[in-house]
Amino acid sequence: MPPDRGAGKDSDSVAQGKMTFEQAMTRLEKIVESIEQGKIGLEESIKQFEEGMSLVQRCRSVLAEADLKIQNLQAAGADGVAIDRGESAGSQG
């Protein structure tokens, strides 16, 4: 296990916050593949599993943000004016 390879993992972890969803998914797929195929030892598998869990969190966060944006766009309606979902047509008294 080369020592500089481990140092690269630390910088990868720092860069994960800046990864796009697609980059995170690609890295996650590579991690899963290497663990499933037994290409790496136990210690490296654990390190990569930890990295993978961090990537999963990143992907979930990106998806949650995208979902919120979509909900806000839908709430704004076609004319771009925000619609208050708490008010209904029946509330006009």
Protein backbone atom coordinates (compact mmCIF):
# COMPACT_ATOMS: atom_id res chain seq x y z
CA MET A 1 0.00 0.00 0.00
CA PRO A 2 1.84 3.17 -1.15
CA PRO A 3 1.78 5.95 1.45
CA ASP A 4 1.01 8.74 -1.04
CA ARG A 5 -2.10 6.84 -2.17
CA GLY A 6 -3.56 7.26 1.31
CA ALA A 7 -2.73 10.99 1.28
CA GLY A 8 -4.62 11.29 -2.00
CA LYS A 9 -7.68 9.79 -0.33
CA ASP A 10 -7.66 12.60 2.24
CA SER A 11 -7.61 15.25 -0.48
CA ASP A 12 -10.37 13.33 -2.29
CA SER A 13 -12.50 13.53 0.85
CA VAL A 14 -11.99 17.29 1.05
CA ALA A 15 -12.89 17.67 -2.64
CA GLN A 16 -16.12 15.67 -2.27
CA GLY A 17 -17.99 18.80 -1.23
CA LYS A 18 -17.17 20.27 -4.64
CA MET A 19 -17.97 17.13 -6.64
CA THR A 20 -20.89 17.16 -9.00
CA PHE A 21 -23.56 14.52 -8.55
CA GLU A 22 -22.25 12.68 -11.62
CA GLN A 23 -18.65 12.73 -10.37
CA ALA A 24 -19.71 11.41 -6.98
CA MET A 25 -21.77 8.63 -8.56
CA THR A 26 -18.89 7.63 -10.85
CA ARG A 27 -16.48 7.44 -7.90
CA LEU A 28 -19.05 5.52 -5.87
CA GLU A 29 -19.49 2.98 -8.68
CA LYS A 30 -15.71 2.47 -8.84
CA ILE A 31 -15.54 1.95 -5.08
CA VAL A 32 -18.37 -0.61 -5.16
CA GLU A 33 -16.72 -2.44 -8.05
CA SER A 34 -13.32 -2.65 -6.35
CA ILE A 35 -14.81 -3.87 -3.07
CA GLU A 36 -17.11 -6.43 -4.72
CA GLN A 37 -14.35 -7.84 -6.91
CA GLY A 38 -11.94 -8.14 -3.99
CA LYS A 39 -9.29 -6.05 -5.76
CA ILE A 40 -8.22 -4.51 -2.46
CA GLY A 41 -7.45 -5.69 1.06
CA LEU A 42 -9.60 -5.39 4.14
CA GLU A 43 -8.11 -2.13 5.44
CA GLU A 44 -8.39 -0.43 2.06
CA SER A 45 -11.92 -1.81 1.69
CA ILE A 46 -12.89 -0.16 4.96
CA LYS A 47 -11.32 3.15 3.88
CA GLN A 48 -13.13 3.01 0.58
CA PHE A 49 -16.38 2.04 2.30
CA GLU A 50 -16.06 5.14 4.48
CA GLU A 51 -15.42 7.27 1.39
CA GLY A 52 -18.40 5.64 -0.28
CA MET A 53 -20.68 6.49 2.64
CA SER A 54 -19.53 10.10 2.42
CA LEU A 55 -20.29 10.08 -1.30
CA VAL A 56 -23.75 8.66 -0.63
CA GLN A 57 -24.40 11.56 1.76
CA ARG A 58 -23.18 14.00 -0.91
CA CYS A 59 -25.47 12.48 -3.55
CA ARG A 60 -28.47 12.52 -1.21
CA SER A 61 -27.78 16.15 -0.38
CA VAL A 62 -27.58 17.12 -4.05
CA LEU A 63 -30.81 15.22 -4.79
CA ALA A 64 -32.59 16.87 -1.86
CA GLU A 65 -31.50 20.32 -3.09
CA ALA A 66 -32.70 19.50 -6.60
CA ASP A 67 -36.03 18.26 -5.26
CA LEU A 68 -36.50 21.47 -3.27
CA LYS A 69 -35.71 23.59 -6.33
CA ILE A 70 -38.25 21.65 -8.39
CA GLN A 71 -40.88 22.07 -5.70
CA ASN A 72 -40.19 25.82 -5.57
CA LEU A 73 -40.44 26.09 -9.35
CA GLN A 74 -43.70 24.18 -9.36
CA ALA A 75 -45.01 26.37 -6.55
CA ALA A 76 -44.10 29.49 -8.52
CA GLY A 77 -46.41 28.42 -11.32
CA ALA A 78 -46.06 29.13 -15.01
CA ASP A 79 -46.07 32.92 -14.61
CA GLY A 80 -43.26 32.89 -12.07
CA VAL A 81 -45.42 34.20 -9.24
CA ALA A 82 -45.14 32.20 -6.05
CA ILE A 83 -48.27 30.34 -5.07
CA ASP A 84 -48.89 29.92 -1.33
CA ARG A 85 -49.79 26.27 -0.94
CA GLY A 86 -51.32 27.02 2.45
CA GLU A 87 -54.12 29.02 0.86
CA SER A 88 -56.84 27.25 -1.04
CA ALA A 89 -59.56 28.54 -3.33
CA GLY A 90 -62.13 27.70 -0.64
CA SER A 91 -60.49 30.03 1.90
CA GLN A 92 -62.00 33.13 0.29
CA GLY A 93 -64.88 33.81 2.57
